[in-house]
Amino acid sequence: MFSTGAMRTWMSSLSLAAARLLSSSPASHLQRVFPPRVTLPPPVSQQNSRTMATLHQMHKMGKPKRAPPKVGATFGRPQLKGVVLKTMIRKPKKPNSANRKCARVRLSNGKEAIVFIPGEGHNLQEHNIVLVEGGRTQDLPGVKLKVVRGKYDCAHVQKKK
């Protein structure tokens, strides 16, 4: 949109007859009169103007609903307890090549999830109880949980000798 000062300077650069024509005729006529390199202000009907909803429309739609809050991988809890169903090795996404140790776990809320086992080496087997926290592994698609080492049946990471 043009400010009033910019509009005045623009109109003063035109001839008086063209200024009279600009104030009285529609924009389509001006496009034919002026060469294409001259930019014209948009007509009033094309400006951004939204009308407010009527009372009837507001009554029909009801109160605006707020979207439910998104729950994370641990379903709104900091940690969850789970039972290992199966340990597996997964391959990471493209540039990386090391095999990642994962486990399929049935969580205490009844859902099953694949969790990443951090650190070098682990002692997890089927039926072991583990504590699971949120935190995705970037190069494993779909893995959004990690096992907490040193809690329940999952041992700490062994020191290097």
C-alpha atoms as a PDB file:
ATOM      1  CA  MET A   1       0.000   0.000   0.000  1.00  0.00           C
ATOM      2  CA  PHE A   2       1.070   3.557  -0.593  1.00  0.00           C
ATOM      3  CA  SER A   3       1.459   6.088   2.168  1.00  0.00           C
ATOM      4  CA  THR A   4      -0.141   9.471   1.566  1.00  0.00           C
ATOM      5  CA  GLY A   5       3.255  11.154   1.019  1.00  0.00           C
ATOM      6  CA  ALA A   6       4.330   8.539  -1.498  1.00  0.00           C
ATOM      7  CA  MET A   7       0.972   8.816  -3.247  1.00  0.00           C
ATOM      8  CA  ARG A   8       1.296  12.610  -3.493  1.00  0.00           C
ATOM      9  CA  THR A   9       4.777  12.430  -5.005  1.00  0.00           C
ATOM     10  CA  TRP A  10       3.658   9.737  -7.397  1.00  0.00           C
ATOM     11  CA  MET A  11       0.623  11.732  -8.499  1.00  0.00           C
ATOM     12  CA  SER A  12       2.655  14.906  -8.873  1.00  0.00           C
ATOM     13  CA  SER A  13       5.000  13.083 -11.236  1.00  0.00           C
ATOM     14  CA  LEU A  14       2.050  12.284 -13.482  1.00  0.00           C
ATOM     15  CA  SER A  15       0.413  14.908 -15.583  1.00  0.00           C
ATOM     16  CA  LEU A  16      -2.651  16.659 -14.193  1.00  0.00           C
ATOM     17  CA  ALA A  17      -4.910  14.907 -16.689  1.00  0.00           C
ATOM     18  CA  ALA A  18      -3.571  11.474 -15.709  1.00  0.00           C
ATOM     19  CA  ALA A  19      -4.105  12.301 -12.021  1.00  0.00           C
ATOM     20  CA  ARG A  20      -7.726  13.229 -12.725  1.00  0.00           C
ATOM     21  CA  LEU A  21      -8.115   9.983 -14.657  1.00  0.00           C
ATOM     22  CA  LEU A  22      -6.587   7.993 -11.784  1.00  0.00           C
ATOM     23  CA  SER A  23      -8.997   9.373  -9.215  1.00  0.00           C
ATOM     24  CA  SER A  24     -12.109   8.797 -11.309  1.00  0.00           C
ATOM     25  CA  SER A  25     -11.707   5.588 -13.356  1.00  0.00           C
ATOM     26  CA  PRO A  26     -11.355   1.905 -12.430  1.00  0.00           C
ATOM     27  CA  ALA A  27      -7.996   0.096 -12.323  1.00  0.00           C
ATOM     28  CA  SER A  28      -8.689  -2.004 -15.434  1.00  0.00           C
ATOM     29  CA  HIS A  29      -9.002   1.166 -17.505  1.00  0.00           C
ATOM     30  CA  LEU A  30      -5.772   2.506 -15.992  1.00  0.00           C
ATOM     31  CA  GLN A  31      -3.913  -0.636 -17.011  1.00  0.00           C
ATOM     32  CA  ARG A  32      -4.788   0.178 -20.630  1.00  0.00           C
ATOM     33  CA  VAL A  33      -3.859   3.855 -20.305  1.00  0.00           C
ATOM     34  CA  PHE A  34      -0.503   3.500 -18.529  1.00  0.00           C
ATOM     35  CA  PRO A  35       2.432   1.404 -19.741  1.00  0.00           C
ATOM     36  CA  PRO A  36       2.886  -1.979 -17.966  1.00  0.00           C
ATOM     37  CA  ARG A  37       5.978  -0.891 -15.997  1.00  0.00           C
ATOM     38  CA  VAL A  38       3.946   1.610 -13.945  1.00  0.00           C
ATOM     39  CA  THR A  39       2.594  -0.126 -10.827  1.00  0.00           C
ATOM     40  CA  LEU A  40      -0.806   0.987  -9.591  1.00  0.00           C
ATOM     41  CA  PRO A  41      -2.203   0.705  -6.058  1.00  0.00           C
ATOM     42  CA  PRO A  42      -4.698  -2.174  -5.642  1.00  0.00           C
ATOM     43  CA  PRO A  43      -8.382  -1.265  -5.703  1.00  0.00           C
ATOM     44  CA  VAL A  44     -10.126  -0.970  -2.358  1.00  0.00           C
ATOM     45  CA  SER A  45     -12.116  -4.197  -2.924  1.00  0.00           C
ATOM     46  CA  GLN A  46      -8.889  -6.301  -3.123  1.00  0.00           C
ATOM     47  CA  GLN A  47      -7.418  -5.088   0.171  1.00  0.00           C
ATOM     48  CA  ASN A  48      -7.301  -7.527   3.074  1.00  0.00           C
ATOM     49  CA  SER A  49     -10.625  -7.050   4.811  1.00  0.00           C
ATOM     50  CA  ARG A  50     -12.359  -9.823   6.710  1.00  0.00           C
ATOM     51  CA  THR A  51     -15.767  -9.275   8.140  1.00  0.00           C
ATOM     52  CA  MET A  52     -16.546 -10.363  11.673  1.00  0.00           C
ATOM     53  CA  ALA A  53     -18.755 -13.383  12.251  1.00  0.00           C
ATOM     54  CA  THR A  54     -22.410 -12.658  12.798  1.00  0.00           C
ATOM     55  CA  LEU A  55     -24.151 -13.679  16.010  1.00  0.00           C
ATOM     56  CA  HIS A  56     -25.980 -16.434  14.117  1.00  0.00           C
ATOM     57  CA  GLN A  57     -22.689 -17.848  12.766  1.00  0.00           C
ATOM     58  CA  MET A  58     -21.115 -17.756  16.238  1.00  0.00           C
ATOM     59  CA  HIS A  59     -24.195 -19.471  17.705  1.00  0.00           C
ATOM     60  CA  LYS A  60     -24.050 -22.243  15.089  1.00  0.00           C
ATOM     61  CA  MET A  61     -20.283 -22.870  15.502  1.00  0.00           C
ATOM     62  CA  GLY A  62     -20.257 -22.771  19.295  1.00  0.00           C
ATOM     63  CA  LYS A  63     -17.195 -21.959  21.389  1.00  0.00           C
ATOM     64  CA  PRO A  64     -13.859 -22.474  19.626  1.00  0.00           C
ATOM     65  CA  LYS A  65     -12.384 -25.821  20.663  1.00  0.00           C
ATOM     66  CA  ARG A  66      -8.823 -25.902  21.964  1.00  0.00           C
ATOM     67  CA  ALA A  67      -6.617 -28.620  20.475  1.00  0.00           C
ATOM     68  CA  PRO A  68      -5.757 -31.380  22.977  1.00  0.00           C
ATOM     69  CA  PRO A  69      -2.167 -31.224  24.283  1.00  0.00           C
ATOM     70  CA  LYS A  70       0.235 -33.579  22.532  1.00  0.00           C
ATOM     71  CA  VAL A  71       1.608 -36.318  24.759  1.00  0.00           C
ATOM     72  CA  GLY A  72       5.153 -37.507  24.198  1.00  0.00           C
ATOM     73  CA  ALA A  73       6.550 -40.998  23.845  1.00  0.00           C
ATOM     74  CA  THR A  74       6.194 -41.655  27.598  1.00  0.00           C
ATOM     75  CA  PHE A  75       2.553 -40.513  27.579  1.00  0.00           C
ATOM     76  CA  GLY A  76       3.049 -37.513  29.848  1.00  0.00           C
ATOM     77  CA  ARG A  77       5.181 -39.312  32.453  1.00  0.00           C
ATOM     78  CA  PRO A  78       8.919 -38.864  33.040  1.00  0.00           C
ATOM     79  CA  GLN A  79       9.675 -42.619  33.078  1.00  0.00           C
ATOM     80  CA  LEU A  80       7.783 -45.857  32.581  1.00  0.00           C
ATOM     81  CA  LYS A  81       8.477 -49.400  33.735  1.00  0.00           C
ATOM     82  CA  GLY A  82       8.414 -52.149  31.166  1.00  0.00           C
ATOM     83  CA  VAL A  83       9.108 -55.824  30.494  1.00  0.00           C
ATOM     84  CA  VAL A  84      11.488 -56.820  27.698  1.00  0.00           C
ATOM     85  CA  LEU A  85       9.762 -58.987  25.095  1.00  0.00           C
ATOM     86  CA  LYS A  86      12.635 -59.342  22.649  1.00  0.00           C
ATOM     87  CA  THR A  87      16.095 -57.848  22.071  1.00  0.00           C
ATOM     88  CA  MET A  88      17.089 -56.959  18.533  1.00  0.00           C
ATOM     89  CA  ILE A  89      19.681 -55.201  16.420  1.00  0.00           C
ATOM     90  CA  ARG A  90      18.557 -52.381  14.144  1.00  0.00           C
ATOM     91  CA  LYS A  91      20.354 -50.685  11.295  1.00  0.00           C
ATOM     92  CA  PRO A  92      20.538 -46.865  11.388  1.00  0.00           C
ATOM     93  CA  LYS A  93      19.630 -44.389   8.652  1.00  0.00           C
ATOM     94  CA  LYS A  94      21.811 -43.650   5.653  1.00  0.00           C
ATOM     95  CA  PRO A  95      25.193 -42.121   6.558  1.00  0.00           C
ATOM     96  CA  ASN A  96      25.667 -44.209   9.737  1.00  0.00           C
ATOM     97  CA  SER A  97      26.476 -47.904   9.739  1.00  0.00           C
ATOM     98  CA  ALA A  98      26.979 -49.206  13.319  1.00  0.00           C
ATOM     99  CA  ASN A  99      24.298 -51.623  14.497  1.00  0.00           C
ATOM    100  CA  ARG A 100      22.108 -50.251  17.292  1.00  0.00           C
ATOM    101  CA  LYS A 101      20.962 -52.482  20.156  1.00  0.00           C
ATOM    102  CA  CYS A 102      17.209 -52.171  20.722  1.00  0.00           C
ATOM    103  CA  ALA A 103      14.517 -54.034  22.616  1.00  0.00           C
ATOM    104  CA  ARG A 104      10.802 -54.478  22.200  1.00  0.00           C
ATOM    105  CA  VAL A 105       9.211 -53.619  25.563  1.00  0.00           C
ATOM    106  CA  ARG A 106       5.678 -53.910  26.937  1.00  0.00           C
ATOM    107  CA  LEU A 107       5.183 -50.784  29.020  1.00  0.00           C
ATOM    108  CA  SER A 108       3.238 -50.584  32.280  1.00  0.00           C
ATOM    109  CA  ASN A 109       0.384 -48.807  30.486  1.00  0.00           C
ATOM    110  CA  GLY A 110      -0.096 -51.858  28.229  1.00  0.00           C
ATOM    111  CA  LYS A 111       1.466 -50.449  25.054  1.00  0.00           C
ATOM    112  CA  GLU A 112       4.408 -51.984  23.247  1.00  0.00           C
ATOM    113  CA  ALA A 113       7.334 -49.875  22.066  1.00  0.00           C
ATOM    114  CA  ILE A 114      10.815 -50.285  20.659  1.00  0.00           C
ATOM    115  CA  VAL A 115      13.452 -48.761  22.959  1.00  0.00           C
ATOM    116  CA  PHE A 116      17.132 -48.030  22.426  1.00  0.00           C
ATOM    117  CA  ILE A 117      19.712 -49.540  24.805  1.00  0.00           C
ATOM    118  CA  PRO A 118      22.540 -46.984  25.202  1.00  0.00           C
ATOM    119  CA  GLY A 119      26.163 -47.786  26.019  1.00  0.00           C
ATOM    120  CA  GLU A 120      28.487 -50.582  24.963  1.00  0.00           C
ATOM    121  CA  GLY A 121      27.169 -54.049  25.755  1.00  0.00           C
ATOM    122  CA  HIS A 122      24.081 -54.983  27.764  1.00  0.00           C
ATOM    123  CA  ASN A 123      22.715 -57.893  29.781  1.00  0.00           C
ATOM    124  CA  LEU A 124      19.049 -57.640  28.788  1.00  0.00           C
ATOM    125  CA  GLN A 125      17.062 -60.773  27.993  1.00  0.00           C
ATOM    126  CA  GLU A 126      13.412 -61.629  27.616  1.00  0.00           C
ATOM    127  CA  HIS A 127      11.288 -60.999  30.782  1.00  0.00           C
ATOM    128  CA  ASN A 128      13.793 -58.521  32.273  1.00  0.00           C
ATOM    129  CA  ILE A 129      12.259 -55.435  33.876  1.00  0.00           C
ATOM    130  CA  VAL A 130      13.608 -52.073  32.689  1.00  0.00           C
ATOM    131  CA  LEU A 131      12.964 -48.390  33.289  1.00  0.00           C
ATOM    132  CA  VAL A 132      12.265 -46.446  30.101  1.00  0.00           C
ATOM    133  CA  GLU A 133      12.605 -42.675  29.545  1.00  0.00           C
ATOM    134  CA  GLY A 134      11.880 -40.410  26.620  1.00  0.00           C
ATOM    135  CA  GLY A 135      14.608 -39.371  24.211  1.00  0.00           C
ATOM    136  CA  ARG A 136      14.730 -40.287  20.579  1.00  0.00           C
ATOM    137  CA  THR A 137      17.672 -41.789  18.747  1.00  0.00           C
ATOM    138  CA  GLN A 138      18.254 -39.620  15.691  1.00  0.00           C
ATOM    139  CA  ASP A 139      19.403 -42.288  13.263  1.00  0.00           C
ATOM    140  CA  LEU A 140      16.779 -44.908  14.196  1.00  0.00           C
ATOM    141  CA  PRO A 141      13.399 -44.049  12.668  1.00  0.00           C
ATOM    142  CA  GLY A 142      10.466 -44.622  15.012  1.00  0.00           C
ATOM    143  CA  VAL A 143      12.571 -45.201  18.167  1.00  0.00           C
ATOM    144  CA  LYS A 144      11.593 -42.520  20.689  1.00  0.00           C
ATOM    145  CA  LEU A 145      12.458 -44.166  24.023  1.00  0.00           C
ATOM    146  CA  LYS A 146      15.676 -45.136  25.851  1.00  0.00           C
ATOM    147  CA  VAL A 147      16.433 -47.670  28.579  1.00  0.00           C
ATOM    148  CA  VAL A 148      17.810 -46.217  31.837  1.00  0.00           C
ATOM    149  CA  ARG A 149      21.041 -48.067  32.631  1.00  0.00           C
ATOM    150  CA  GLY A 150      21.616 -49.228  36.220  1.00  0.00           C
ATOM    151  CA  LYS A 151      17.927 -49.488  37.152  1.00  0.00           C
ATOM    152  CA  TYR A 152      16.015 -52.750  37.773  1.00  0.00           C
ATOM    153  CA  ASP A 153      17.453 -55.583  35.651  1.00  0.00           C
ATOM    154  CA  CYS A 154      19.566 -53.455  33.289  1.00  0.00           C
ATOM    155  CA  ALA A 155      23.185 -53.282  34.504  1.00  0.00           C
ATOM    156  CA  HIS A 156      25.445 -50.222  34.396  1.00  0.00           C
ATOM    157  CA  VAL A 157      27.832 -49.714  31.498  1.00  0.00           C
ATOM    158  CA  GLN A 158      31.095 -51.595  32.198  1.00  0.00           C
ATOM    159  CA  LYS A 159      34.279 -49.533  32.599  1.00  0.00           C
ATOM    160  CA  LYS A 160      36.940 -49.961  29.922  1.00  0.00           C
ATOM    161  CA  LYS A 161      40.061 -51.741  31.081  1.00  0.00           C
END
